Amino acid sequence: MRGIVAVLFGILAITRPGITTVTLLFFIAAWALATGVLRIVAAIRLRKEITGEFWLALSGIASVVFAFLVMMNPAAGALAIAWLIGWYALFLGAMLVMLSIKLHHIRRLGDMPGGKYQRAA
């Protein structure tokens, strides 16, 4: 679902090259809000299936906070909030890397709760 949302917003941004910076910022904020909510929902739904879902939820919360910060001050323009976009990307990337390391470790050890994802012998 997150991929579909990203593709739709990507197509919208590509097909509307004449949009203003403020409108583009709102597109970015809407994308961050939608994907953040989807990450939080995924973390809640996966909490019984995996450990470390905290990182997924935290990345979702970061996306939602980023979206609201962008919406609260869109007139500042992309250049003025470039640092915010950079910190968002850095924080989000770090959270997703932590999640992937945790999931890789769990998969390698075969200790997923419920035994659904046991390592092949």
PDB file of N, CA and C in Angstrom:
ATOM      1  N   MET A   1       0.818  -1.197   0.000  1.00  0.00           N
ATOM      2  CA  MET A   1       0.000   0.000   0.000  1.00  0.00           C
ATOM      3  C   MET A   1       0.867   1.268   0.000  1.00  0.00           C
ATOM      4  N   ARG A   2       1.933   1.252   0.808  1.00  0.00           N
ATOM      5  CA  ARG A   2       2.813   2.405   0.888  1.00  0.00           C
ATOM      6  C   ARG A   2       3.440   2.693  -0.467  1.00  0.00           C
ATOM      7  N   GLY A   3       3.802   1.633  -1.180  1.00  0.00           N
ATOM      8  CA  GLY A   3       4.389   1.799  -2.504  1.00  0.00           C
ATOM      9  C   GLY A   3       3.419   2.440  -3.476  1.00  0.00           C
ATOM     10  N   ILE A   4       2.158   2.041  -3.413  1.00  0.00           N
ATOM     11  CA  ILE A   4       1.132   2.605  -4.290  1.00  0.00           C
ATOM     12  C   ILE A   4       0.957   4.093  -4.013  1.00  0.00           C
ATOM     13  N   VAL A   5       0.929   4.455  -2.729  1.00  0.00           N
ATOM     14  CA  VAL A   5       0.793   5.862  -2.353  1.00  0.00           C
ATOM     15  C   VAL A   5       1.984   6.662  -2.883  1.00  0.00           C
ATOM     16  N   ALA A   6       3.193   6.117  -2.738  1.00  0.00           N
ATOM     17  CA  ALA A   6       4.385   6.808  -3.217  1.00  0.00           C
ATOM     18  C   ALA A   6       4.358   6.978  -4.736  1.00  0.00           C
ATOM     19  N   VAL A   7       3.928   5.935  -5.460  1.00  0.00           N
ATOM     20  CA  VAL A   7       3.852   6.006  -6.917  1.00  0.00           C
ATOM     21  C   VAL A   7       2.837   7.063  -7.345  1.00  0.00           C
ATOM     22  N   LEU A   8       1.673   7.085  -6.708  1.00  0.00           N
ATOM     23  CA  LEU A   8       0.647   8.059  -7.070  1.00  0.00           C
ATOM     24  C   LEU A   8       1.140   9.489  -6.858  1.00  0.00           C
ATOM     25  N   PHE A   9       1.793   9.737  -5.726  1.00  0.00           N
ATOM     26  CA  PHE A   9       2.299  11.080  -5.478  1.00  0.00           C
ATOM     27  C   PHE A   9       3.466  11.405  -6.409  1.00  0.00           C
ATOM     28  N   GLY A  10       4.259  10.404  -6.763  1.00  0.00           N
ATOM     29  CA  GLY A  10       5.341  10.622  -7.722  1.00  0.00           C
ATOM     30  C   GLY A  10       4.814  11.003  -9.094  1.00  0.00           C
ATOM     31  N   ILE A  11       3.787  10.281  -9.556  1.00  0.00           N
ATOM     32  CA  ILE A  11       3.166  10.593 -10.851  1.00  0.00           C
ATOM     33  C   ILE A  11       2.565  11.992 -10.827  1.00  0.00           C
ATOM     34  N   LEU A  12       1.903  12.325  -9.735  1.00  0.00           N
ATOM     35  CA  LEU A  12       1.310  13.659  -9.607  1.00  0.00           C
ATOM     36  C   LEU A  12       2.385  14.743  -9.693  1.00  0.00           C
ATOM     37  N   ALA A  13       3.510  14.531  -9.022  1.00  0.00           N
ATOM     38  CA  ALA A  13       4.588  15.529  -9.050  1.00  0.00           C
ATOM     39  C   ALA A  13       5.214  15.639 -10.439  1.00  0.00           C
ATOM     40  N   ILE A  14       5.341  14.516 -11.137  1.00  0.00           N
ATOM     41  CA  ILE A  14       5.950  14.531 -12.477  1.00  0.00           C
ATOM     42  C   ILE A  14       5.015  15.169 -13.502  1.00  0.00           C
ATOM     43  N   THR A  15       3.727  14.894 -13.411  1.00  0.00           N
ATOM     44  CA  THR A  15       2.781  15.414 -14.404  1.00  0.00           C
ATOM     45  C   THR A  15       2.403  16.868 -14.165  1.00  0.00           C
ATOM     46  N   ARG A  16       2.764  17.417 -13.038  1.00  0.00           N
ATOM     47  CA  ARG A  16       2.456  18.814 -12.712  1.00  0.00           C
ATOM     48  C   ARG A  16       3.734  19.602 -12.445  1.00  0.00           C
ATOM     49  N   PRO A  17       4.627  19.733 -13.452  1.00  0.00           N
ATOM     50  CA  PRO A  17       5.909  20.393 -13.192  1.00  0.00           C
ATOM     51  C   PRO A  17       5.788  21.887 -12.914  1.00  0.00           C
ATOM     52  N   GLY A  18       4.681  22.485 -13.266  1.00  0.00           N
ATOM     53  CA  GLY A  18       4.533  23.923 -13.065  1.00  0.00           C
ATOM     54  C   GLY A  18       3.991  24.303 -11.696  1.00  0.00           C
ATOM     55  N   ILE A  19       3.829  23.348 -10.804  1.00  0.00           N
ATOM     56  CA  ILE A  19       3.264  23.690  -9.497  1.00  0.00           C
ATOM     57  C   ILE A  19       4.249  24.531  -8.690  1.00  0.00           C
ATOM     58  N   THR A  20       3.709  25.278  -7.799  1.00  0.00           N
ATOM     59  CA  THR A  20       4.552  26.150  -6.977  1.00  0.00           C
ATOM     60  C   THR A  20       5.267  25.342  -5.901  1.00  0.00           C
ATOM     61  N   THR A  21       6.255  25.960  -5.303  1.00  0.00           N
ATOM     62  CA  THR A  21       7.003  25.314  -4.222  1.00  0.00           C
ATOM     63  C   THR A  21       6.092  24.962  -3.059  1.00  0.00           C
ATOM     64  N   VAL A  22       5.177  25.852  -2.748  1.00  0.00           N
ATOM     65  CA  VAL A  22       4.270  25.598  -1.624  1.00  0.00           C
ATOM     66  C   VAL A  22       3.399  24.380  -1.907  1.00  0.00           C
ATOM     67  N   THR A  23       2.893  24.270  -3.118  1.00  0.00           N
ATOM     68  CA  THR A  23       2.065  23.122  -3.467  1.00  0.00           C
ATOM     69  C   THR A  23       2.888  21.841  -3.410  1.00  0.00           C
ATOM     70  N   LEU A  24       4.102  21.891  -3.917  1.00  0.00           N
ATOM     71  CA  LEU A  24       4.973  20.717  -3.865  1.00  0.00           C
ATOM     72  C   LEU A  24       5.244  20.318  -2.423  1.00  0.00           C
ATOM     73  N   LEU A  25       5.442  21.293  -1.563  1.00  0.00           N
ATOM     74  CA  LEU A  25       5.662  20.981  -0.155  1.00  0.00           C
ATOM     75  C   LEU A  25       4.435  20.297   0.454  1.00  0.00           C
ATOM     76  N   PHE A  26       3.239  20.734   0.049  1.00  0.00           N
ATOM     77  CA  PHE A  26       2.046  20.070   0.551  1.00  0.00           C
ATOM     78  C   PHE A  26       1.922  18.648   0.002  1.00  0.00           C
ATOM     79  N   PHE A  27       2.342  18.429  -1.235  1.00  0.00           N
ATOM     80  CA  PHE A  27       2.373  17.064  -1.777  1.00  0.00           C
ATOM     81  C   PHE A  27       3.322  16.190  -0.955  1.00  0.00           C
ATOM     82  N   ILE A  28       4.505  16.729  -0.653  1.00  0.00           N
ATOM     83  CA  ILE A  28       5.484  15.989   0.149  1.00  0.00           C
ATOM     84  C   ILE A  28       4.920  15.716   1.544  1.00  0.00           C
ATOM     85  N   ALA A  29       4.280  16.715   2.132  1.00  0.00           N
ATOM     86  CA  ALA A  29       3.701  16.543   3.459  1.00  0.00           C
ATOM     87  C   ALA A  29       2.588  15.497   3.443  1.00  0.00           C
ATOM     88  N   ALA A  30       1.745  15.525   2.423  1.00  0.00           N
ATOM     89  CA  ALA A  30       0.665  14.533   2.321  1.00  0.00           C
ATOM     90  C   ALA A  30       1.236  13.138   2.143  1.00  0.00           C
ATOM     91  N   TRP A  31       2.288  13.013   1.336  1.00  0.00           N
ATOM     92  CA  TRP A  31       2.943  11.721   1.147  1.00  0.00           C
ATOM     93  C   TRP A  31       3.541  11.235   2.466  1.00  0.00           C
ATOM     94  N   ALA A  32       4.240  12.116   3.182  1.00  0.00           N
ATOM     95  CA  ALA A  32       4.841  11.745   4.462  1.00  0.00           C
ATOM     96  C   ALA A  32       3.770  11.355   5.480  1.00  0.00           C
ATOM     97  N   LEU A  33       2.667  12.084   5.493  1.00  0.00           N
ATOM     98  CA  LEU A  33       1.571  11.772   6.407  1.00  0.00           C
ATOM     99  C   LEU A  33       0.957  10.409   6.085  1.00  0.00           C
ATOM    100  N   ALA A  34       0.672  10.164   4.815  1.00  0.00           N
ATOM    101  CA  ALA A  34       0.064   8.884   4.417  1.00  0.00           C
ATOM    102  C   ALA A  34       0.993   7.712   4.712  1.00  0.00           C
ATOM    103  N   THR A  35       2.257   7.828   4.342  1.00  0.00           N
ATOM    104  CA  THR A  35       3.175   6.714   4.590  1.00  0.00           C
ATOM    105  C   THR A  35       3.461   6.543   6.079  1.00  0.00           C
ATOM    106  N   GLY A  36       3.465   7.649   6.823  1.00  0.00           N
ATOM    107  CA  GLY A  36       3.656   7.554   8.271  1.00  0.00           C
ATOM    108  C   GLY A  36       2.525   6.808   8.948  1.00  0.00           C
ATOM    109  N   VAL A  37       1.311   7.147   8.580  1.00  0.00           N
ATOM    110  CA  VAL A  37       0.148   6.448   9.145  1.00  0.00           C
ATOM    111  C   VAL A  37       0.190   4.972   8.764  1.00  0.00           C
ATOM    112  N   LEU A  38       0.547   4.676   7.521  1.00  0.00           N
ATOM    113  CA  LEU A  38       0.631   3.275   7.088  1.00  0.00           C
ATOM    114  C   LEU A  38       1.709   2.514   7.854  1.00  0.00           C
ATOM    115  N   ARG A  39       2.827   3.157   8.155  1.00  0.00           N
ATOM    116  CA  ARG A  39       3.882   2.498   8.944  1.00  0.00           C
ATOM    117  C   ARG A  39       3.415   2.227  10.364  1.00  0.00           C
ATOM    118  N   ILE A  40       2.715   3.179  10.961  1.00  0.00           N
ATOM    119  CA  ILE A  40       2.208   2.982  12.321  1.00  0.00           C
ATOM    120  C   ILE A  40       1.210   1.831  12.345  1.00  0.00           C
ATOM    121  N   VAL A  41       0.310   1.798  11.381  1.00  0.00           N
ATOM    122  CA  VAL A  41      -0.668   0.713  11.289  1.00  0.00           C
ATOM    123  C   VAL A  41       0.048  -0.625  11.095  1.00  0.00           C
ATOM    124  N   ALA A  42       1.061  -0.656  10.240  1.00  0.00           N
ATOM    125  CA  ALA A  42       1.809  -1.895  10.007  1.00  0.00           C
ATOM    126  C   ALA A  42       2.497  -2.355  11.285  1.00  0.00           C
ATOM    127  N   ALA A  43       3.076  -1.430  12.030  1.00  0.00           N
ATOM    128  CA  ALA A  43       3.747  -1.796  13.279  1.00  0.00           C
ATOM    129  C   ALA A  43       2.755  -2.383  14.278  1.00  0.00           C
ATOM    130  N   ILE A  44       1.568  -1.805  14.352  1.00  0.00           N
ATOM    131  CA  ILE A  44       0.551  -2.315  15.265  1.00  0.00           C
ATOM    132  C   ILE A  44       0.104  -3.704  14.832  1.00  0.00           C
ATOM    133  N   ARG A  45      -0.100  -3.886  13.528  1.00  0.00           N
ATOM    134  CA  ARG A  45      -0.557  -5.187  13.025  1.00  0.00           C
ATOM    135  C   ARG A  45       0.516  -6.259  13.132  1.00  0.00           C
ATOM    136  N   LEU A  46       1.783  -5.866  13.076  1.00  0.00           N
ATOM    137  CA  LEU A  46       2.880  -6.835  13.114  1.00  0.00           C
ATOM    138  C   LEU A  46       3.435  -7.079  14.515  1.00  0.00           C
ATOM    139  N   ARG A  47       2.895  -6.413  15.519  1.00  0.00           N
ATOM    140  CA  ARG A  47       3.482  -6.501  16.854  1.00  0.00           C
ATOM    141  C   ARG A  47       3.496  -7.914  17.416  1.00  0.00           C
ATOM    142  N   LYS A  48       2.570  -8.773  16.990  1.00  0.00           N
ATOM    143  CA  LYS A  48       2.555 -10.159  17.467  1.00  0.00           C
ATOM    144  C   LYS A  48       3.369 -11.081  16.568  1.00  0.00           C
ATOM    145  N   GLU A  49       3.742 -10.594  15.401  1.00  0.00           N
ATOM    146  CA  GLU A  49       4.474 -11.414  14.435  1.00  0.00           C
ATOM    147  C   GLU A  49       5.986 -11.218  14.526  1.00  0.00           C
ATOM    148  N   ILE A  50       6.411 -10.005  14.880  1.00  0.00           N
ATOM    149  CA  ILE A  50       7.837  -9.693  14.911  1.00  0.00           C
ATOM    150  C   ILE A  50       8.178  -8.977  16.205  1.00  0.00           C
ATOM    151  N   THR A  51       9.469  -8.939  16.497  1.00  0.00           N
ATOM    152  CA  THR A  51       9.948  -8.056  17.559  1.00  0.00           C
ATOM    153  C   THR A  51      10.664  -6.909  16.869  1.00  0.00           C
ATOM    154  N   GLY A  52      10.791  -5.791  17.537  1.00  0.00           N
ATOM    155  CA  GLY A  52      11.436  -4.638  16.934  1.00  0.00           C
ATOM    156  C   GLY A  52      10.498  -3.784  16.108  1.00  0.00           C
ATOM    157  N   GLU A  53       9.189  -4.018  16.239  1.00  0.00           N
ATOM    158  CA  GLU A  53       8.230  -3.211  15.492  1.00  0.00           C
ATOM    159  C   GLU A  53       8.254  -1.759  15.956  1.00  0.00           C
ATOM    160  N   PHE A  54       8.889  -1.524  17.085  1.00  0.00           N
ATOM    161  CA  PHE A  54       9.059  -0.175  17.611  1.00  0.00           C
ATOM    162  C   PHE A  54       9.712   0.732  16.578  1.00  0.00           C
ATOM    163  N   TRP A  55      10.720   0.224  15.865  1.00  0.00           N
ATOM    164  CA  TRP A  55      11.441   1.029  14.878  1.00  0.00           C
ATOM    165  C   TRP A  55      10.533   1.404  13.722  1.00  0.00           C
ATOM    166  N   LEU A  56       9.666   0.501  13.317  1.00  0.00           N
ATOM    167  CA  LEU A  56       8.721   0.794  12.251  1.00  0.00           C
ATOM    168  C   LEU A  56       7.727   1.862  12.706  1.00  0.00           C
ATOM    169  N   ALA A  57       7.228   1.714  13.926  1.00  0.00           N
ATOM    170  CA  ALA A  57       6.297   2.703  14.472  1.00  0.00           C
ATOM    171  C   ALA A  57       6.979   4.060  14.630  1.00  0.00           C
ATOM    172  N   LEU A  58       8.226   4.055  15.093  1.00  0.00           N
ATOM    173  CA  LEU A  58       8.950   5.303  15.286  1.00  0.00           C
ATOM    174  C   LEU A  58       9.192   6.009  13.952  1.00  0.00           C
ATOM    175  N   SER A  59       9.475   5.248  12.894  1.00  0.00           N
ATOM    176  CA  SER A  59       9.649   5.873  11.583  1.00  0.00           C
ATOM    177  C   SER A  59       8.323   6.461  11.101  1.00  0.00           C
ATOM    178  N   GLY A  60       7.205   5.801  11.426  1.00  0.00           N
ATOM    179  CA  GLY A  60       5.890   6.334  11.079  1.00  0.00           C
ATOM    180  C   GLY A  60       5.583   7.617  11.831  1.00  0.00           C
ATOM    181  N   ILE A  61       5.927   7.643  13.104  1.00  0.00           N
ATOM    182  CA  ILE A  61       5.718   8.850  13.907  1.00  0.00           C
ATOM    183  C   ILE A  61       6.569   9.991  13.358  1.00  0.00           C
ATOM    184  N   ALA A  62       7.817   9.690  12.972  1.00  0.00           N
ATOM    185  CA  ALA A  62       8.691  10.716  12.392  1.00  0.00           C
ATOM    186  C   ALA A  62       8.081  11.279  11.113  1.00  0.00           C
ATOM    187  N   SER A  63       7.488  10.423  10.297  1.00  0.00           N
ATOM    188  CA  SER A  63       6.859  10.880   9.058  1.00  0.00           C
ATOM    189  C   SER A  63       5.676  11.796   9.338  1.00  0.00           C
ATOM    190  N   VAL A  64       4.860  11.436  10.318  1.00  0.00           N
ATOM    191  CA  VAL A  64       3.692  12.239  10.665  1.00  0.00           C
ATOM    192  C   VAL A  64       4.124  13.598  11.224  1.00  0.00           C
ATOM    193  N   VAL A  65       5.113  13.593  12.108  1.00  0.00           N
ATOM    194  CA  VAL A  65       5.618  14.856  12.670  1.00  0.00           C
ATOM    195  C   VAL A  65       6.184  15.739  11.559  1.00  0.00           C
ATOM    196  N   PHE A  66       6.974  15.139  10.660  1.00  0.00           N
ATOM    197  CA  PHE A  66       7.528  15.883   9.529  1.00  0.00           C
ATOM    198  C   PHE A  66       6.412  16.513   8.702  1.00  0.00           C
ATOM    199  N   ALA A  67       5.368  15.740   8.415  1.00  0.00           N
ATOM    200  CA  ALA A  67       4.252  16.250   7.605  1.00  0.00           C
ATOM    201  C   ALA A  67       3.611  17.465   8.268  1.00  0.00           C
ATOM    202  N   PHE A  68       3.369  17.394   9.564  1.00  0.00           N
ATOM    203  CA  PHE A  68       2.744  18.518  10.246  1.00  0.00           C
ATOM    204  C   PHE A  68       3.669  19.736  10.303  1.00  0.00           C
ATOM    205  N   LEU A  69       4.968  19.521  10.486  1.00  0.00           N
ATOM    206  CA  LEU A  69       5.904  20.644  10.496  1.00  0.00           C
ATOM    207  C   LEU A  69       5.928  21.347   9.140  1.00  0.00           C
ATOM    208  N   VAL A  70       5.905  20.575   8.058  1.00  0.00           N
ATOM    209  CA  VAL A  70       5.890  21.169   6.723  1.00  0.00           C
ATOM    210  C   VAL A  70       4.590  21.925   6.488  1.00  0.00           C
ATOM    211  N   MET A  71       3.455  21.354   6.908  1.00  0.00           N
ATOM    212  CA  MET A  71       2.158  22.004   6.695  1.00  0.00           C
ATOM    213  C   MET A  71       2.013  23.282   7.516  1.00  0.00           C
ATOM    214  N   MET A  72       2.658  23.328   8.674  1.00  0.00           N
ATOM    215  CA  MET A  72       2.530  24.506   9.528  1.00  0.00           C
ATOM    216  C   MET A  72       3.292  25.708   8.970  1.00  0.00           C
ATOM    217  N   ASN A  73       4.321  25.469   8.154  1.00  0.00           N
ATOM    218  CA  ASN A  73       5.130  26.576   7.661  1.00  0.00           C
ATOM    219  C   ASN A  73       5.508  26.388   6.191  1.00  0.00           C
ATOM    220  N   PRO A  74       4.534  26.277   5.292  1.00  0.00           N
ATOM    221  CA  PRO A  74       4.857  26.026   3.884  1.00  0.00           C
ATOM    222  C   PRO A  74       5.457  27.237   3.172  1.00  0.00           C
ATOM    223  N   ALA A  75       5.160  28.433   3.653  1.00  0.00           N
ATOM    224  CA  ALA A  75       5.638  29.643   2.978  1.00  0.00           C
ATOM    225  C   ALA A  75       7.156  29.801   3.086  1.00  0.00           C
ATOM    226  N   ALA A  76       7.763  29.092   3.987  1.00  0.00           N
ATOM    227  CA  ALA A  76       9.215  29.188   4.144  1.00  0.00           C
ATOM    228  C   ALA A  76       9.943  28.704   2.896  1.00  0.00           C
ATOM    229  N   GLY A  77       9.299  27.848   2.128  1.00  0.00           N
ATOM    230  CA  GLY A  77       9.897  27.358   0.885  1.00  0.00           C
ATOM    231  C   GLY A  77      10.825  26.188   1.113  1.00  0.00           C
ATOM    232  N   ALA A  78      11.126  25.489   0.043  1.00  0.00           N
ATOM    233  CA  ALA A  78      11.942  24.279   0.135  1.00  0.00           C
ATOM    234  C   ALA A  78      13.357  24.571   0.603  1.00  0.00           C
ATOM    235  N   LEU A  79      13.920  25.674   0.161  1.00  0.00           N
ATOM    236  CA  LEU A  79      15.286  25.994   0.554  1.00  0.00           C
ATOM    237  C   LEU A  79      15.368  26.276   2.051  1.00  0.00           C
ATOM    238  N   ALA A  80      14.377  26.997   2.572  1.00  0.00           N
ATOM    239  CA  ALA A  80      14.389  27.360   3.987  1.00  0.00           C
ATOM    240  C   ALA A  80      14.177  26.158   4.897  1.00  0.00           C
ATOM    241  N   ILE A  81      13.495  25.111   4.414  1.00  0.00           N
ATOM    242  CA  ILE A  81      13.289  23.941   5.262  1.00  0.00           C
ATOM    243  C   ILE A  81      14.092  22.736   4.766  1.00  0.00           C
ATOM    244  N   ALA A  82      15.099  22.987   3.948  1.00  0.00           N
ATOM    245  CA  ALA A  82      15.936  21.897   3.451  1.00  0.00           C
ATOM    246  C   ALA A  82      16.575  21.124   4.600  1.00  0.00           C
ATOM    247  N   TRP A  83      16.956  21.825   5.661  1.00  0.00           N
ATOM    248  CA  TRP A  83      17.541  21.147   6.809  1.00  0.00           C
ATOM    249  C   TRP A  83      16.539  20.191   7.441  1.00  0.00           C
ATOM    250  N   LEU A  84      15.269  20.592   7.467  1.00  0.00           N
ATOM    251  CA  LEU A  84      14.228  19.743   8.041  1.00  0.00           C
ATOM    252  C   LEU A  84      14.039  18.480   7.200  1.00  0.00           C
ATOM    253  N   ILE A  85      14.050  18.650   5.883  1.00  0.00           N
ATOM    254  CA  ILE A  85      13.926  17.509   4.986  1.00  0.00           C
ATOM    255  C   ILE A  85      15.132  16.586   5.172  1.00  0.00           C
ATOM    256  N   GLY A  86      16.318  17.163   5.296  1.00  0.00           N
ATOM    257  CA  GLY A  86      17.524  16.369   5.503  1.00  0.00           C
ATOM    258  C   GLY A  86      17.493  15.582   6.800  1.00  0.00           C
ATOM    259  N   TRP A  87      17.105  16.231   7.890  1.00  0.00           N
ATOM    260  CA  TRP A  87      17.016  15.536   9.179  1.00  0.00           C
ATOM    261  C   TRP A  87      15.944  14.457   9.157  1.00  0.00           C
ATOM    262  N   TYR A  88      14.828  14.767   8.498  1.00  0.00           N
ATOM    263  CA  TYR A  88      13.760  13.772   8.360  1.00  0.00           C
ATOM    264  C   TYR A  88      14.278  12.539   7.626  1.00  0.00           C
ATOM    265  N   ALA A  89      14.948  12.757   6.498  1.00  0.00           N
ATOM    266  CA  ALA A  89      15.462  11.635   5.719  1.00  0.00           C
ATOM    267  C   ALA A  89      16.508  10.857   6.512  1.00  0.00           C
ATOM    268  N   LEU A  90      17.372  11.551   7.225  1.00  0.00           N
ATOM    269  CA  LEU A  90      18.392  10.893   8.028  1.00  0.00           C
ATOM    270  C   LEU A  90      17.760  10.068   9.145  1.00  0.00           C
ATOM    271  N   PHE A  91      16.824  10.656   9.877  1.00  0.00           N
ATOM    272  CA  PHE A  91      16.162   9.964  10.982  1.00  0.00           C
ATOM    273  C   PHE A  91      15.346   8.779  10.478  1.00  0.00           C
ATOM    274  N   LEU A  92      14.569   9.001   9.425  1.00  0.00           N
ATOM    275  CA  LEU A  92      13.752   7.931   8.868  1.00  0.00           C
ATOM    276  C   LEU A  92      14.626   6.785   8.361  1.00  0.00           C
ATOM    277  N   GLY A  93      15.678   7.126   7.640  1.00  0.00           N
ATOM    278  CA  GLY A  93      16.584   6.097   7.136  1.00  0.00           C
ATOM    279  C   GLY A  93      17.213   5.301   8.264  1.00  0.00           C
ATOM    280  N   ALA A  94      17.628   5.980   9.324  1.00  0.00           N
ATOM    281  CA  ALA A  94      18.224   5.287  10.467  1.00  0.00           C
ATOM    282  C   ALA A  94      17.217   4.334  11.120  1.00  0.00           C
ATOM    283  N   MET A  95      15.974   4.779  11.269  1.00  0.00           N
ATOM    284  CA  MET A  95      14.952   3.916  11.870  1.00  0.00           C
ATOM    285  C   MET A  95      14.705   2.673  11.008  1.00  0.00           C
ATOM    286  N   LEU A  96      14.656   2.854   9.699  1.00  0.00           N
ATOM    287  CA  LEU A  96      14.408   1.726   8.810  1.00  0.00           C
ATOM    288  C   LEU A  96      15.612   0.788   8.755  1.00  0.00           C
ATOM    289  N   VAL A  97      16.832   1.324   8.856  1.00  0.00           N
ATOM    290  CA  VAL A  97      18.020   0.470   8.924  1.00  0.00           C
ATOM    291  C   VAL A  97      17.994  -0.353  10.213  1.00  0.00           C
ATOM    292  N   MET A  98      17.647   0.285  11.322  1.00  0.00           N
ATOM    293  CA  MET A  98      17.549  -0.449  12.592  1.00  0.00           C
ATOM    294  C   MET A  98      16.506  -1.559  12.505  1.00  0.00           C
ATOM    295  N   LEU A  99      15.380  -1.273  11.875  1.00  0.00           N
ATOM    296  CA  LEU A  99      14.343  -2.284  11.694  1.00  0.00           C
ATOM    297  C   LEU A  99      14.863  -3.434  10.846  1.00  0.00           C
ATOM    298  N   SER A 100      15.546  -3.122   9.749  1.00  0.00           N
ATOM    299  CA  SER A 100      16.032  -4.181   8.866  1.00  0.00           C
ATOM    300  C   SER A 100      17.087  -5.041   9.552  1.00  0.00           C
ATOM    301  N   ILE A 101      17.960  -4.430  10.356  1.00  0.00           N
ATOM    302  CA  ILE A 101      18.959  -5.197  11.099  1.00  0.00           C
ATOM    303  C   ILE A 101      18.275  -6.131  12.089  1.00  0.00           C
ATOM    304  N   LYS A 102      17.287  -5.609  12.789  1.00  0.00           N
ATOM    305  CA  LYS A 102      16.556  -6.420  13.767  1.00  0.00           C
ATOM    306  C   LYS A 102      15.848  -7.588  13.081  1.00  0.00           C
ATOM    307  N   LEU A 103      15.168  -7.318  11.973  1.00  0.00           N
ATOM    308  CA  LEU A 103      14.453  -8.376  11.268  1.00  0.00           C
ATOM    309  C   LEU A 103      15.419  -9.391  10.661  1.00  0.00           C
ATOM    310  N   HIS A 104      16.556  -8.929  10.156  1.00  0.00           N
ATOM    311  CA  HIS A 104      17.549  -9.856   9.610  1.00  0.00           C
ATOM    312  C   HIS A 104      18.076 -10.770  10.708  1.00  0.00           C
ATOM    313  N   HIS A 105      18.359 -10.198  11.870  1.00  0.00           N
ATOM    314  CA  HIS A 105      18.852 -10.975  13.002  1.00  0.00           C
ATOM    315  C   HIS A 105      17.817 -12.011  13.444  1.00  0.00           C
ATOM    316  N   ILE A 106      16.574 -11.590  13.520  1.00  0.00           N
ATOM    317  CA  ILE A 106      15.508 -12.509  13.929  1.00  0.00           C
ATOM    318  C   ILE A 106      15.358 -13.632  12.914  1.00  0.00           C
ATOM    319  N   ARG A 107      15.370 -13.281  11.644  1.00  0.00           N
ATOM    320  CA  ARG A 107      15.216 -14.289  10.584  1.00  0.00           C
ATOM    321  C   ARG A 107      16.377 -15.272  10.605  1.00  0.00           C
ATOM    322  N   ARG A 108      17.590 -14.756  10.800  1.00  0.00           N
ATOM    323  CA  ARG A 108      18.777 -15.606  10.810  1.00  0.00           C
ATOM    324  C   ARG A 108      18.738 -16.581  11.977  1.00  0.00           C
ATOM    325  N   LEU A 109      18.275 -16.127  13.116  1.00  0.00           N
ATOM    326  CA  LEU A 109      18.212 -16.998  14.287  1.00  0.00           C
ATOM    327  C   LEU A 109      16.975 -17.877  14.307  1.00  0.00           C
ATOM    328  N   GLY A 110      15.983 -17.527  13.500  1.00  0.00           N
ATOM    329  CA  GLY A 110      14.758 -18.325  13.445  1.00  0.00           C
ATOM    330  C   GLY A 110      13.928 -18.239  14.707  1.00  0.00           C
ATOM    331  N   ASP A 111      14.012 -17.110  15.404  1.00  0.00           N
ATOM    332  CA  ASP A 111      13.269 -17.003  16.661  1.00  0.00           C
ATOM    333  C   ASP A 111      12.081 -16.058  16.564  1.00  0.00           C
ATOM    334  N   MET A 112      11.385 -16.100  15.429  1.00  0.00           N
ATOM    335  CA  MET A 112      10.167 -15.304  15.292  1.00  0.00           C
ATOM    336  C   MET A 112       9.099 -15.885  16.219  1.00  0.00           C
ATOM    337  N   PRO A 113       8.342 -15.059  16.907  1.00  0.00           N
ATOM    338  CA  PRO A 113       7.261 -15.558  17.757  1.00  0.00           C
ATOM    339  C   PRO A 113       6.244 -16.361  16.941  1.00  0.00           C
ATOM    340  N   GLY A 114       5.792 -17.432  17.513  1.00  0.00           N
ATOM    341  CA  GLY A 114       4.776 -18.242  16.843  1.00  0.00           C
ATOM    342  C   GLY A 114       5.349 -19.273  15.896  1.00  0.00           C
ATOM    343  N   GLY A 115       6.638 -19.224  15.658  1.00  0.00           N
ATOM    344  CA  GLY A 115       7.304 -20.221  14.840  1.00  0.00           C
ATOM    345  C   GLY A 115       6.930 -20.191  13.372  1.00  0.00           C
ATOM    346  N   LYS A 116       6.322 -19.125  12.868  1.00  0.00           N
ATOM    347  CA  LYS A 116       5.883 -19.077  11.477  1.00  0.00           C
ATOM    348  C   LYS A 116       7.052 -18.963  10.501  1.00  0.00           C
ATOM    349  N   TYR A 117       8.146 -18.407  10.969  1.00  0.00           N
ATOM    350  CA  TYR A 117       9.244 -18.102  10.055  1.00  0.00           C
ATOM    351  C   TYR A 117      10.521 -18.815  10.488  1.00  0.00           C
ATOM    352  N   GLN A 118      10.425 -20.084  10.729  1.00  0.00           N
ATOM    353  CA  GLN A 118      11.577 -20.847  11.159  1.00  0.00           C
ATOM    354  C   GLN A 118      12.562 -21.013  10.016  1.00  0.00           C
ATOM    355  N   ARG A 119      13.827 -20.982  10.368  1.00  0.00           N
ATOM    356  CA  ARG A 119      14.906 -21.133   9.397  1.00  0.00           C
ATOM    357  C   ARG A 119      14.880 -22.546   8.828  1.00  0.00           C
ATOM    358  N   ALA A 120      15.098 -22.630   7.506  1.00  0.00           N
ATOM    359  CA  ALA A 120      15.123 -23.945   6.843  1.00  0.00           C
ATOM    360  C   ALA A 120      16.349 -24.719   7.304  1.00  0.00           C
ATOM    361  N   ALA A 121      16.181 -26.035   7.486  1.00  0.00           N
ATOM    362  CA  ALA A 121      17.280 -26.885   7.977  1.00  0.00           C
ATOM    363  C   ALA A 121      18.256 -27.222   6.883  1.00  0.00           C
TER     364      ALA A 121
END
